[in-house]
Amino acid sequence: MPESSPAPESEPESEEVTRDPVTYDSVTVHYQAGGEEPFTVERVIRLADSFFPGSGERALQVIDDPRKGPVGGLFDVDLILIPPEKISHLVLRKGEKVTTVTAEEALSGDAPGFSTSDAS
């Protein structure tokens, strides 16, 4: 029996290649403890329900755009994990629009524009 040749793979659509993954211009984490300053991450592409390495305790992971570094250089990726119980609220900014959500809303995927299941 002759072997059939596999179907040629199609080229990815240009939209997939050129799409900007940034979901928010910035996310600012405000802590419940009064002495801790808010922490801002620029060009955030995703919030994820994650765990701290070693302890396995639940964490909110803020994933920033690794392409924000110098063009042609290596990607700079930071591991940003925050205990949800220490978060008072998060401020999400995209252009002129500002939204405030709780850590639980962000972890459950209820934050506008965020999905904890995919990066789109």
PDB file of N, CA and C in Angstrom:
ATOM      1  N   MET A   1       0.851  -1.173   0.000  1.00  0.00           N
ATOM      2  CA  MET A   1       0.000   0.000   0.000  1.00  0.00           C
ATOM      3  C   MET A   1       0.898   1.237   0.000  1.00  0.00           C
ATOM      4  N   PRO A   2       0.705   2.181  -0.953  1.00  0.00           N
ATOM      5  CA  PRO A   2       1.561   3.367  -1.003  1.00  0.00           C
ATOM      6  C   PRO A   2       1.274   4.293   0.172  1.00  0.00           C
ATOM      7  N   GLU A   3       2.341   4.924   0.630  1.00  0.00           N
ATOM      8  CA  GLU A   3       2.181   5.879   1.731  1.00  0.00           C
ATOM      9  C   GLU A   3       1.620   7.176   1.189  1.00  0.00           C
ATOM     10  N   SER A   4       0.718   7.753   1.922  1.00  0.00           N
ATOM     11  CA  SER A   4       0.185   9.049   1.501  1.00  0.00           C
ATOM     12  C   SER A   4       1.065  10.140   2.081  1.00  0.00           C
ATOM     13  N   SER A   5       1.234  11.163   1.315  1.00  0.00           N
ATOM     14  CA  SER A   5       2.055  12.264   1.812  1.00  0.00           C
ATOM     15  C   SER A   5       1.227  13.107   2.773  1.00  0.00           C
ATOM     16  N   PRO A   6       1.842  13.554   3.857  1.00  0.00           N
ATOM     17  CA  PRO A   6       1.099  14.363   4.820  1.00  0.00           C
ATOM     18  C   PRO A   6       0.675  15.692   4.197  1.00  0.00           C
ATOM     19  N   ALA A   7      -0.436  16.178   4.685  1.00  0.00           N
ATOM     20  CA  ALA A   7      -0.930  17.474   4.192  1.00  0.00           C
ATOM     21  C   ALA A   7       0.073  18.555   4.568  1.00  0.00           C
ATOM     22  N   PRO A   8       0.343  19.479   3.659  1.00  0.00           N
ATOM     23  CA  PRO A   8       1.294  20.547   3.990  1.00  0.00           C
ATOM     24  C   PRO A   8       0.737  21.419   5.107  1.00  0.00           C
ATOM     25  N   GLU A   9       1.646  21.803   6.007  1.00  0.00           N
ATOM     26  CA  GLU A   9       1.222  22.668   7.098  1.00  0.00           C
ATOM     27  C   GLU A   9       1.001  24.066   6.564  1.00  0.00           C
ATOM     28  N   SER A  10      -0.070  24.677   6.997  1.00  0.00           N
ATOM     29  CA  SER A  10      -0.354  26.025   6.534  1.00  0.00           C
ATOM     30  C   SER A  10       0.465  27.033   7.333  1.00  0.00           C
ATOM     31  N   GLU A  11       0.762  28.125   6.682  1.00  0.00           N
ATOM     32  CA  GLU A  11       1.489  29.196   7.347  1.00  0.00           C
ATOM     33  C   GLU A  11       0.575  29.853   8.368  1.00  0.00           C
ATOM     34  N   PRO A  12       1.106  30.268   9.532  1.00  0.00           N
ATOM     35  CA  PRO A  12       0.250  30.962  10.491  1.00  0.00           C
ATOM     36  C   PRO A  12      -0.230  32.287   9.908  1.00  0.00           C
ATOM     37  N   GLU A  13      -1.430  32.645  10.265  1.00  0.00           N
ATOM     38  CA  GLU A  13      -1.967  33.912   9.782  1.00  0.00           C
ATOM     39  C   GLU A  13      -1.139  35.055  10.334  1.00  0.00           C
ATOM     40  N   SER A  14      -0.992  36.101   9.559  1.00  0.00           N
ATOM     41  CA  SER A  14      -0.150  37.221   9.974  1.00  0.00           C
ATOM     42  C   SER A  14      -0.651  37.862  11.257  1.00  0.00           C
ATOM     43  N   GLU A  15      -1.959  37.803  11.498  1.00  0.00           N
ATOM     44  CA  GLU A  15      -2.493  38.371  12.735  1.00  0.00           C
ATOM     45  C   GLU A  15      -1.888  37.673  13.945  1.00  0.00           C
ATOM     46  N   GLU A  16      -1.718  36.345  13.860  1.00  0.00           N
ATOM     47  CA  GLU A  16      -1.134  35.593  14.964  1.00  0.00           C
ATOM     48  C   GLU A  16       0.317  35.993  15.212  1.00  0.00           C
ATOM     49  N   VAL A  17       1.029  36.283  14.157  1.00  0.00           N
ATOM     50  CA  VAL A  17       2.439  36.616  14.271  1.00  0.00           C
ATOM     51  C   VAL A  17       2.635  38.044  14.776  1.00  0.00           C
ATOM     52  N   THR A  18       1.819  38.968  14.324  1.00  0.00           N
ATOM     53  CA  THR A  18       2.030  40.374  14.642  1.00  0.00           C
ATOM     54  C   THR A  18       1.185  40.863  15.814  1.00  0.00           C
ATOM     55  N   ARG A  19       0.343  40.022  16.347  1.00  0.00           N
ATOM     56  CA  ARG A  19      -0.559  40.424  17.428  1.00  0.00           C
ATOM     57  C   ARG A  19       0.227  40.881  18.649  1.00  0.00           C
ATOM     58  N   ASP A  20      -0.163  41.984  19.258  1.00  0.00           N
ATOM     59  CA  ASP A  20       0.467  42.483  20.471  1.00  0.00           C
ATOM     60  C   ASP A  20      -0.154  41.764  21.664  1.00  0.00           C
ATOM     61  N   PRO A  21       0.641  41.013  22.446  1.00  0.00           N
ATOM     62  CA  PRO A  21       0.073  40.230  23.534  1.00  0.00           C
ATOM     63  C   PRO A  21      -0.271  41.040  24.785  1.00  0.00           C
ATOM     64  N   VAL A  22       0.055  42.319  24.838  1.00  0.00           N
ATOM     65  CA  VAL A  22      -0.168  43.095  26.054  1.00  0.00           C
ATOM     66  C   VAL A  22      -1.658  43.247  26.308  1.00  0.00           C
ATOM     67  N   THR A  23      -2.088  42.805  27.476  1.00  0.00           N
ATOM     68  CA  THR A  23      -3.480  42.921  27.870  1.00  0.00           C
ATOM     69  C   THR A  23      -3.717  44.240  28.595  1.00  0.00           C
ATOM     70  N   TYR A  24      -2.791  44.626  29.468  1.00  0.00           N
ATOM     71  CA  TYR A  24      -2.895  45.893  30.187  1.00  0.00           C
ATOM     72  C   TYR A  24      -1.568  46.633  30.130  1.00  0.00           C
ATOM     73  N   ASP A  25      -1.647  47.950  30.091  1.00  0.00           N
ATOM     74  CA  ASP A  25      -0.442  48.771  30.114  1.00  0.00           C
ATOM     75  C   ASP A  25       0.290  48.594  31.435  1.00  0.00           C
ATOM     76  N   SER A  26      -0.491  48.467  32.533  1.00  0.00           N
ATOM     77  CA  SER A  26       0.130  48.228  33.835  1.00  0.00           C
ATOM     78  C   SER A  26      -0.872  47.598  34.795  1.00  0.00           C
ATOM     79  N   VAL A  27      -0.322  46.894  35.772  1.00  0.00           N
ATOM     80  CA  VAL A  27      -1.095  46.346  36.874  1.00  0.00           C
ATOM     81  C   VAL A  27      -0.385  46.792  38.142  1.00  0.00           C
ATOM     82  N   THR A  28      -1.121  47.444  39.040  1.00  0.00           N
ATOM     83  CA  THR A  28      -0.558  47.874  40.313  1.00  0.00           C
ATOM     84  C   THR A  28      -1.186  47.054  41.422  1.00  0.00           C
ATOM     85  N   VAL A  29      -0.335  46.402  42.203  1.00  0.00           N
ATOM     86  CA  VAL A  29      -0.780  45.572  43.312  1.00  0.00           C
ATOM     87  C   VAL A  29      -0.725  46.415  44.582  1.00  0.00           C
ATOM     88  N   HIS A  30      -1.869  46.521  45.252  1.00  0.00           N
ATOM     89  CA  HIS A  30      -1.945  47.230  46.534  1.00  0.00           C
ATOM     90  C   HIS A  30      -2.062  46.184  47.629  1.00  0.00           C
ATOM     91  N   TYR A  31      -1.223  46.321  48.654  1.00  0.00           N
ATOM     92  CA  TYR A  31      -1.161  45.330  49.722  1.00  0.00           C
ATOM     93  C   TYR A  31      -2.067  45.697  50.884  1.00  0.00           C
ATOM     94  N   GLN A  32      -2.471  44.689  51.665  1.00  0.00           N
ATOM     95  CA  GLN A  32      -3.294  44.916  52.842  1.00  0.00           C
ATOM     96  C   GLN A  32      -2.481  45.568  53.951  1.00  0.00           C
ATOM     97  N   ALA A  33      -1.210  45.214  54.061  1.00  0.00           N
ATOM     98  CA  ALA A  33      -0.355  45.803  55.094  1.00  0.00           C
ATOM     99  C   ALA A  33      -0.077  47.256  54.739  1.00  0.00           C
ATOM    100  N   GLY A  34      -0.329  48.136  55.698  1.00  0.00           N
ATOM    101  CA  GLY A  34      -0.178  49.568  55.458  1.00  0.00           C
ATOM    102  C   GLY A  34       1.235  50.003  55.146  1.00  0.00           C
ATOM    103  N   GLY A  35       2.251  49.262  55.599  1.00  0.00           N
ATOM    104  CA  GLY A  35       3.638  49.674  55.411  1.00  0.00           C
ATOM    105  C   GLY A  35       4.225  49.287  54.066  1.00  0.00           C
ATOM    106  N   GLU A  36       3.530  48.451  53.289  1.00  0.00           N
ATOM    107  CA  GLU A  36       4.065  48.016  52.000  1.00  0.00           C
ATOM    108  C   GLU A  36       3.568  48.923  50.883  1.00  0.00           C
ATOM    109  N   GLU A  37       4.520  49.426  50.098  1.00  0.00           N
ATOM    110  CA  GLU A  37       4.190  50.302  48.973  1.00  0.00           C
ATOM    111  C   GLU A  37       3.561  49.494  47.845  1.00  0.00           C
ATOM    112  N   PRO A  38       2.628  50.091  47.080  1.00  0.00           N
ATOM    113  CA  PRO A  38       2.081  49.402  45.908  1.00  0.00           C
ATOM    114  C   PRO A  38       3.189  49.051  44.925  1.00  0.00           C
ATOM    115  N   PHE A  39       3.003  47.970  44.208  1.00  0.00           N
ATOM    116  CA  PHE A  39       3.985  47.446  43.269  1.00  0.00           C
ATOM    117  C   PHE A  39       3.366  47.458  41.879  1.00  0.00           C
ATOM    118  N   THR A  40       4.035  48.091  40.904  1.00  0.00           N
ATOM    119  CA  THR A  40       3.490  48.204  39.548  1.00  0.00           C
ATOM    120  C   THR A  40       4.321  47.394  38.565  1.00  0.00           C
ATOM    121  N   VAL A  41       3.612  46.642  37.704  1.00  0.00           N
ATOM    122  CA  VAL A  41       4.250  45.882  36.630  1.00  0.00           C
ATOM    123  C   VAL A  41       3.721  46.455  35.319  1.00  0.00           C
ATOM    124  N   GLU A  42       4.622  46.826  34.425  1.00  0.00           N
ATOM    125  CA  GLU A  42       4.253  47.388  33.127  1.00  0.00           C
ATOM    126  C   GLU A  42       4.070  46.280  32.092  1.00  0.00           C
ATOM    127  N   ARG A  43       3.214  46.523  31.100  1.00  0.00           N
ATOM    128  CA  ARG A  43       2.986  45.633  29.953  1.00  0.00           C
ATOM    129  C   ARG A  43       2.684  44.201  30.393  1.00  0.00           C
ATOM    130  N   VAL A  44       1.571  44.031  31.081  1.00  0.00           N
ATOM    131  CA  VAL A  44       1.171  42.721  31.596  1.00  0.00           C
ATOM    132  C   VAL A  44       0.357  41.978  30.540  1.00  0.00           C
ATOM    133  N   ILE A  45       0.723  40.710  30.302  1.00  0.00           N
ATOM    134  CA  ILE A  45      -0.002  39.912  29.320  1.00  0.00           C
ATOM    135  C   ILE A  45      -0.960  38.913  29.961  1.00  0.00           C
ATOM    136  N   ARG A  46      -0.751  38.605  31.239  1.00  0.00           N
ATOM    137  CA  ARG A  46      -1.608  37.605  31.857  1.00  0.00           C
ATOM    138  C   ARG A  46      -1.465  37.592  33.360  1.00  0.00           C
ATOM    139  N   LEU A  47      -2.548  37.260  34.051  1.00  0.00           N
ATOM    140  CA  LEU A  47      -2.522  36.938  35.476  1.00  0.00           C
ATOM    141  C   LEU A  47      -2.799  35.442  35.558  1.00  0.00           C
ATOM    142  N   ALA A  48      -2.108  34.754  36.439  1.00  0.00           N
ATOM    143  CA  ALA A  48      -2.289  33.304  36.524  1.00  0.00           C
ATOM    144  C   ALA A  48      -2.402  32.857  37.971  1.00  0.00           C
ATOM    145  N   ASP A  49      -3.214  31.840  38.177  1.00  0.00           N
ATOM    146  CA  ASP A  49      -3.310  31.174  39.462  1.00  0.00           C
ATOM    147  C   ASP A  49      -2.121  30.228  39.513  1.00  0.00           C
ATOM    148  N   SER A  50      -1.205  30.439  40.440  1.00  0.00           N
ATOM    149  CA  SER A  50       0.043  29.696  40.453  1.00  0.00           C
ATOM    150  C   SER A  50       0.366  29.229  41.868  1.00  0.00           C
ATOM    151  N   PHE A  51       1.585  28.709  42.053  1.00  0.00           N
ATOM    152  CA  PHE A  51       2.046  28.228  43.348  1.00  0.00           C
ATOM    153  C   PHE A  51       3.497  28.644  43.554  1.00  0.00           C
ATOM    154  N   PHE A  52       3.861  28.892  44.820  1.00  0.00           N
ATOM    155  CA  PHE A  52       5.244  29.200  45.145  1.00  0.00           C
ATOM    156  C   PHE A  52       6.076  27.924  45.045  1.00  0.00           C
ATOM    157  N   PRO A  53       7.226  28.011  44.375  1.00  0.00           N
ATOM    158  CA  PRO A  53       8.102  26.828  44.299  1.00  0.00           C
ATOM    159  C   PRO A  53       8.518  26.410  45.716  1.00  0.00           C
ATOM    160  N   GLY A  54       8.590  25.134  45.945  1.00  0.00           N
ATOM    161  CA  GLY A  54       9.004  24.627  47.254  1.00  0.00           C
ATOM    162  C   GLY A  54       7.847  24.433  48.205  1.00  0.00           C
ATOM    163  N   SER A  55       7.177  25.530  48.573  1.00  0.00           N
ATOM    164  CA  SER A  55       6.106  25.440  49.569  1.00  0.00           C
ATOM    165  C   SER A  55       4.787  24.966  48.966  1.00  0.00           C
ATOM    166  N   GLY A  56       4.568  25.271  47.695  1.00  0.00           N
ATOM    167  CA  GLY A  56       3.314  24.889  47.050  1.00  0.00           C
ATOM    168  C   GLY A  56       2.134  25.759  47.436  1.00  0.00           C
ATOM    169  N   GLU A  57       2.397  26.845  48.183  1.00  0.00           N
ATOM    170  CA  GLU A  57       1.314  27.749  48.571  1.00  0.00           C
ATOM    171  C   GLU A  57       0.814  28.507  47.343  1.00  0.00           C
ATOM    172  N   ARG A  58      -0.475  28.826  47.354  1.00  0.00           N
ATOM    173  CA  ARG A  58      -1.112  29.509  46.227  1.00  0.00           C
ATOM    174  C   ARG A  58      -0.511  30.905  46.033  1.00  0.00           C
ATOM    175  N   ALA A  59      -0.418  31.304  44.771  1.00  0.00           N
ATOM    176  CA  ALA A  59       0.143  32.608  44.435  1.00  0.00           C
ATOM    177  C   ALA A  59      -0.570  33.187  43.225  1.00  0.00           C
ATOM    178  N   LEU A  60      -0.624  34.503  43.179  1.00  0.00           N
ATOM    179  CA  LEU A  60      -1.061  35.216  41.984  1.00  0.00           C
ATOM    180  C   LEU A  60       0.209  35.521  41.206  1.00  0.00           C
ATOM    181  N   GLN A  61       0.286  35.041  39.962  1.00  0.00           N
ATOM    182  CA  GLN A  61       1.447  35.308  39.121  1.00  0.00           C
ATOM    183  C   GLN A  61       1.090  36.408  38.139  1.00  0.00           C
ATOM    184  N   VAL A  62       1.913  37.440  38.103  1.00  0.00           N
ATOM    185  CA  VAL A  62       1.751  38.536  37.150  1.00  0.00           C
ATOM    186  C   VAL A  62       2.790  38.305  36.063  1.00  0.00           C
ATOM    187  N   ILE A  63       2.308  38.093  34.834  1.00  0.00           N
ATOM    188  CA  ILE A  63       3.197  37.764  33.726  1.00  0.00           C
ATOM    189  C   ILE A  63       3.312  38.981  32.813  1.00  0.00           C
ATOM    190  N   ASP A  64       4.523  39.528  32.772  1.00  0.00           N
ATOM    191  CA  ASP A  64       4.736  40.707  31.936  1.00  0.00           C
ATOM    192  C   ASP A  64       5.240  40.282  30.562  1.00  0.00           C
ATOM    193  N   ASP A  65       5.219  41.220  29.636  1.00  0.00           N
ATOM    194  CA  ASP A  65       5.617  40.961  28.253  1.00  0.00           C
ATOM    195  C   ASP A  65       7.136  40.820  28.186  1.00  0.00           C
ATOM    196  N   PRO A  66       7.647  39.643  27.820  1.00  0.00           N
ATOM    197  CA  PRO A  66       9.097  39.470  27.781  1.00  0.00           C
ATOM    198  C   PRO A  66       9.757  40.262  26.661  1.00  0.00           C
ATOM    199  N   ARG A  67       8.960  40.785  25.724  1.00  0.00           N
ATOM    200  CA  ARG A  67       9.525  41.543  24.601  1.00  0.00           C
ATOM    201  C   ARG A  67       9.729  43.015  24.929  1.00  0.00           C
ATOM    202  N   LYS A  68       9.511  43.430  26.177  1.00  0.00           N
ATOM    203  CA  LYS A  68       9.636  44.845  26.496  1.00  0.00           C
ATOM    204  C   LYS A  68      11.086  45.296  26.642  1.00  0.00           C
ATOM    205  N   GLY A  69      12.013  44.342  26.617  1.00  0.00           N
ATOM    206  CA  GLY A  69      13.427  44.663  26.743  1.00  0.00           C
ATOM    207  C   GLY A  69      14.001  45.224  25.459  1.00  0.00           C
ATOM    208  N   PRO A  70      15.318  45.322  25.390  1.00  0.00           N
ATOM    209  CA  PRO A  70      15.962  45.869  24.193  1.00  0.00           C
ATOM    210  C   PRO A  70      15.703  44.993  22.973  1.00  0.00           C
ATOM    211  N   VAL A  71      15.489  45.631  21.843  1.00  0.00           N
ATOM    212  CA  VAL A  71      15.240  44.910  20.592  1.00  0.00           C
ATOM    213  C   VAL A  71      16.489  44.139  20.218  1.00  0.00           C
ATOM    214  N   GLY A  72      16.299  42.883  19.828  1.00  0.00           N
ATOM    215  CA  GLY A  72      17.429  42.062  19.423  1.00  0.00           C
ATOM    216  C   GLY A  72      18.172  41.433  20.587  1.00  0.00           C
ATOM    217  N   GLY A  73      17.807  41.779  21.806  1.00  0.00           N
ATOM    218  CA  GLY A  73      18.469  41.206  22.971  1.00  0.00           C
ATOM    219  C   GLY A  73      17.724  40.001  23.495  1.00  0.00           C
ATOM    220  N   LEU A  74      18.192  39.484  24.576  1.00  0.00           N
ATOM    221  CA  LEU A  74      17.526  38.361  25.218  1.00  0.00           C
ATOM    222  C   LEU A  74      16.255  38.849  25.902  1.00  0.00           C
ATOM    223  N   PHE A  75      15.282  37.949  25.979  1.00  0.00           N
ATOM    224  CA  PHE A  75      14.056  38.292  26.688  1.00  0.00           C
ATOM    225  C   PHE A  75      14.354  38.339  28.183  1.00  0.00           C
ATOM    226  N   ASP A  76      13.761  39.311  28.868  1.00  0.00           N
ATOM    227  CA  ASP A  76      13.942  39.466  30.304  1.00  0.00           C
ATOM    228  C   ASP A  76      12.628  39.104  30.971  1.00  0.00           C
ATOM    229  N   VAL A  77      12.587  37.954  31.616  1.00  0.00           N
ATOM    230  CA  VAL A  77      11.365  37.482  32.251  1.00  0.00           C
ATOM    231  C   VAL A  77      11.589  37.422  33.758  1.00  0.00           C
ATOM    232  N   ASP A  78      10.722  38.064  34.511  1.00  0.00           N
ATOM    233  CA  ASP A  78      10.780  38.025  35.961  1.00  0.00           C
ATOM    234  C   ASP A  78       9.693  37.102  36.480  1.00  0.00           C
ATOM    235  N   LEU A  79       9.983  36.338  37.521  1.00  0.00           N
ATOM    236  CA  LEU A  79       8.982  35.513  38.170  1.00  0.00           C
ATOM    237  C   LEU A  79       8.342  36.376  39.254  1.00  0.00           C
ATOM    238  N   ILE A  80       7.101  36.797  39.011  1.00  0.00           N
ATOM    239  CA  ILE A  80       6.407  37.683  39.943  1.00  0.00           C
ATOM    240  C   ILE A  80       5.261  36.893  40.571  1.00  0.00           C
ATOM    241  N   LEU A  81       5.457  36.478  41.821  1.00  0.00           N
ATOM    242  CA  LEU A  81       4.468  35.717  42.565  1.00  0.00           C
ATOM    243  C   LEU A  81       4.097  36.481  43.820  1.00  0.00           C
ATOM    244  N   ILE A  82       2.795  36.602  44.084  1.00  0.00           N
ATOM    245  CA  ILE A  82       2.321  37.362  45.239  1.00  0.00           C
ATOM    246  C   ILE A  82       1.281  36.523  45.983  1.00  0.00           C
ATOM    247  N   PRO A  83       1.411  36.390  47.308  1.00  0.00           N
ATOM    248  CA  PRO A  83       0.389  35.664  48.064  1.00  0.00           C
ATOM    249  C   PRO A  83      -0.942  36.422  47.985  1.00  0.00           C
ATOM    250  N   PRO A  84      -2.012  35.776  47.511  1.00  0.00           N
ATOM    251  CA  PRO A  84      -3.291  36.479  47.351  1.00  0.00           C
ATOM    252  C   PRO A  84      -3.822  37.084  48.645  1.00  0.00           C
ATOM    253  N   GLU A  85      -3.553  36.427  49.777  1.00  0.00           N
ATOM    254  CA  GLU A  85      -4.063  36.934  51.052  1.00  0.00           C
ATOM    255  C   GLU A  85      -3.398  38.240  51.488  1.00  0.00           C
ATOM    256  N   LYS A  86      -2.282  38.608  50.869  1.00  0.00           N
ATOM    257  CA  LYS A  86      -1.605  39.868  51.186  1.00  0.00           C
ATOM    258  C   LYS A  86      -2.077  41.013  50.291  1.00  0.00           C
ATOM    259  N   ILE A  87      -2.896  40.702  49.278  1.00  0.00           N
ATOM    260  CA  ILE A  87      -3.333  41.715  48.313  1.00  0.00           C
ATOM    261  C   ILE A  87      -4.644  42.344  48.758  1.00  0.00           C
ATOM    262  N   SER A  88      -4.663  43.667  48.823  1.00  0.00           N
ATOM    263  CA  SER A  88      -5.894  44.411  49.095  1.00  0.00           C
ATOM    264  C   SER A  88      -6.721  44.473  47.812  1.00  0.00           C
ATOM    265  N   HIS A  89      -6.097  44.929  46.724  1.00  0.00           N
ATOM    266  CA  HIS A  89      -6.747  45.015  45.417  1.00  0.00           C
ATOM    267  C   HIS A  89      -5.695  45.268  44.344  1.00  0.00           C
ATOM    268  N   LEU A  90      -6.100  45.118  43.094  1.00  0.00           N
ATOM    269  CA  LEU A  90      -5.233  45.383  41.955  1.00  0.00           C
ATOM    270  C   LEU A  90      -5.876  46.468  41.104  1.00  0.00           C
ATOM    271  N   VAL A  91      -5.050  47.344  40.562  1.00  0.00           N
ATOM    272  CA  VAL A  91      -5.532  48.386  39.658  1.00  0.00           C
ATOM    273  C   VAL A  91      -4.977  48.057  38.276  1.00  0.00           C
ATOM    274  N   LEU A  92      -5.887  47.806  37.325  1.00  0.00           N
ATOM    275  CA  LEU A  92      -5.540  47.443  35.960  1.00  0.00           C
ATOM    276  C   LEU A  92      -5.716  48.670  35.074  1.00  0.00           C
ATOM    277  N   ARG A  93      -4.691  49.016  34.291  1.00  0.00           N
ATOM    278  CA  ARG A  93      -4.773  50.197  33.432  1.00  0.00           C
ATOM    279  C   ARG A  93      -4.488  49.817  31.991  1.00  0.00           C
ATOM    280  N   LYS A  94      -5.374  50.270  31.103  1.00  0.00           N
ATOM    281  CA  LYS A  94      -5.159  50.137  29.658  1.00  0.00           C
ATOM    282  C   LYS A  94      -5.598  51.448  29.036  1.00  0.00           C
ATOM    283  N   GLY A  95      -4.629  52.205  28.553  1.00  0.00           N
ATOM    284  CA  GLY A  95      -4.939  53.530  28.028  1.00  0.00           C
ATOM    285  C   GLY A  95      -5.521  54.389  29.137  1.00  0.00           C
ATOM    286  N   GLU A  96      -6.665  54.979  28.865  1.00  0.00           N
ATOM    287  CA  GLU A  96      -7.335  55.833  29.857  1.00  0.00           C
ATOM    288  C   GLU A  96      -8.241  55.042  30.795  1.00  0.00           C
ATOM    289  N   LYS A  97      -8.496  53.769  30.478  1.00  0.00           N
ATOM    290  CA  LYS A  97      -9.402  52.956  31.275  1.00  0.00           C
ATOM    291  C   LYS A  97      -8.677  52.351  32.471  1.00  0.00           C
ATOM    292  N   VAL A  98      -9.258  52.517  33.656  1.00  0.00           N
ATOM    293  CA  VAL A  98      -8.698  51.983  34.894  1.00  0.00           C
ATOM    294  C   VAL A  98      -9.765  51.142  35.574  1.00  0.00           C
ATOM    295  N   THR A  99      -9.402  49.918  35.965  1.00  0.00           N
ATOM    296  CA  THR A  99     -10.323  49.000  36.618  1.00  0.00           C
ATOM    297  C   THR A  99      -9.688  48.490  37.891  1.00  0.00           C
ATOM    298  N   THR A 100     -10.472  48.380  38.952  1.00  0.00           N
ATOM    299  CA  THR A 100     -10.002  47.835  40.219  1.00  0.00           C
ATOM    300  C   THR A 100     -10.661  46.485  40.449  1.00  0.00           C
ATOM    301  N   VAL A 101      -9.853  45.470  40.798  1.00  0.00           N
ATOM    302  CA  VAL A 101     -10.363  44.127  41.060  1.00  0.00           C
ATOM    303  C   VAL A 101      -9.707  43.567  42.311  1.00  0.00           C
ATOM    304  N   THR A 102     -10.339  42.558  42.892  1.00  0.00           N
ATOM    305  CA  THR A 102      -9.753  41.856  44.030  1.00  0.00           C
ATOM    306  C   THR A 102      -8.823  40.763  43.502  1.00  0.00           C
ATOM    307  N   ALA A 103      -8.013  40.215  44.391  1.00  0.00           N
ATOM    308  CA  ALA A 103      -7.123  39.118  43.999  1.00  0.00           C
ATOM    309  C   ALA A 103      -7.940  37.913  43.554  1.00  0.00           C
ATOM    310  N   GLU A 104      -9.031  37.641  44.232  1.00  0.00           N
ATOM    311  CA  GLU A 104      -9.863  36.487  43.877  1.00  0.00           C
ATOM    312  C   GLU A 104     -10.492  36.661  42.493  1.00  0.00           C
ATOM    313  N   GLU A 105     -10.917  37.880  42.155  1.00  0.00           N
ATOM    314  CA  GLU A 105     -11.446  38.133  40.804  1.00  0.00           C
ATOM    315  C   GLU A 105     -10.371  37.882  39.751  1.00  0.00           C
ATOM    316  N   ALA A 106      -9.154  38.319  40.044  1.00  0.00           N
ATOM    317  CA  ALA A 106      -8.051  38.113  39.107  1.00  0.00           C
ATOM    318  C   ALA A 106      -7.724  36.629  38.970  1.00  0.00           C
ATOM    319  N   LEU A 107      -7.710  35.891  40.084  1.00  0.00           N
ATOM    320  CA  LEU A 107      -7.384  34.463  40.060  1.00  0.00           C
ATOM    321  C   LEU A 107      -8.461  33.633  39.389  1.00  0.00           C
ATOM    322  N   SER A 108      -9.702  34.075  39.488  1.00  0.00           N
ATOM    323  CA  SER A 108     -10.801  33.299  38.900  1.00  0.00           C
ATOM    324  C   SER A 108     -11.025  33.643  37.427  1.00  0.00           C
ATOM    325  N   GLY A 109     -10.287  34.631  36.909  1.00  0.00           N
ATOM    326  CA  GLY A 109     -10.455  35.023  35.516  1.00  0.00           C
ATOM    327  C   GLY A 109     -11.555  36.050  35.324  1.00  0.00           C
ATOM    328  N   ASP A 110     -12.074  36.610  36.417  1.00  0.00           N
ATOM    329  CA  ASP A 110     -13.151  37.601  36.327  1.00  0.00           C
ATOM    330  C   ASP A 110     -12.654  39.018  36.109  1.00  0.00           C
ATOM    331  N   ALA A 111     -11.330  39.215  36.075  1.00  0.00           N
ATOM    332  CA  ALA A 111     -10.790  40.536  35.813  1.00  0.00           C
ATOM    333  C   ALA A 111     -11.014  40.861  34.344  1.00  0.00           C
ATOM    334  N   PRO A 112     -11.588  42.021  34.023  1.00  0.00           N
ATOM    335  CA  PRO A 112     -11.854  42.359  32.623  1.00  0.00           C
ATOM    336  C   PRO A 112     -10.589  42.296  31.766  1.00  0.00           C
ATOM    337  N   GLY A 113     -10.662  41.580  30.662  1.00  0.00           N
ATOM    338  CA  GLY A 113      -9.540  41.503  29.736  1.00  0.00           C
ATOM    339  C   GLY A 113      -8.517  40.448  30.095  1.00  0.00           C
ATOM    340  N   PHE A 114      -8.632  39.855  31.254  1.00  0.00           N
ATOM    341  CA  PHE A 114      -7.681  38.825  31.664  1.00  0.00           C
ATOM    342  C   PHE A 114      -8.322  37.470  31.611  1.00  0.00           C
ATOM    343  N   SER A 115      -7.545  36.495  31.289  1.00  0.00           N
ATOM    344  CA  SER A 115      -7.973  35.099  31.356  1.00  0.00           C
ATOM    345  C   SER A 115      -6.850  34.340  32.024  1.00  0.00           C
ATOM    346  N   THR A 116      -7.174  33.554  33.043  1.00  0.00           N
ATOM    347  CA  THR A 116      -6.133  32.771  33.697  1.00  0.00           C
ATOM    348  C   THR A 116      -5.855  31.487  32.945  1.00  0.00           C
ATOM    349  N   SER A 117      -6.633  31.207  31.879  1.00  0.00           N
ATOM    350  CA  SER A 117      -6.427  29.960  31.155  1.00  0.00           C
ATOM    351  C   SER A 117      -5.609  30.116  29.889  1.00  0.00           C
ATOM    352  N   ASP A 118      -5.531  31.312  29.322  1.00  0.00           N
ATOM    353  CA  ASP A 118      -4.717  31.516  28.122  1.00  0.00           C
ATOM    354  C   ASP A 118      -4.160  32.923  28.112  1.00  0.00           C
ATOM    355  N   ALA A 119      -3.222  33.175  27.227  1.00  0.00           N
ATOM    356  CA  ALA A 119      -2.547  34.473  27.184  1.00  0.00           C
ATOM    357  C   ALA A 119      -3.144  35.424  26.185  1.00  0.00           C
ATOM    358  N   SER A 120      -4.293  35.130  25.605  1.00  0.00           N
ATOM    359  CA  SER A 120      -4.856  36.035  24.603  1.00  0.00           C
ATOM    360  C   SER A 120      -5.833  36.989  25.225  1.00  0.00           C
TER     361      SER A 120
END
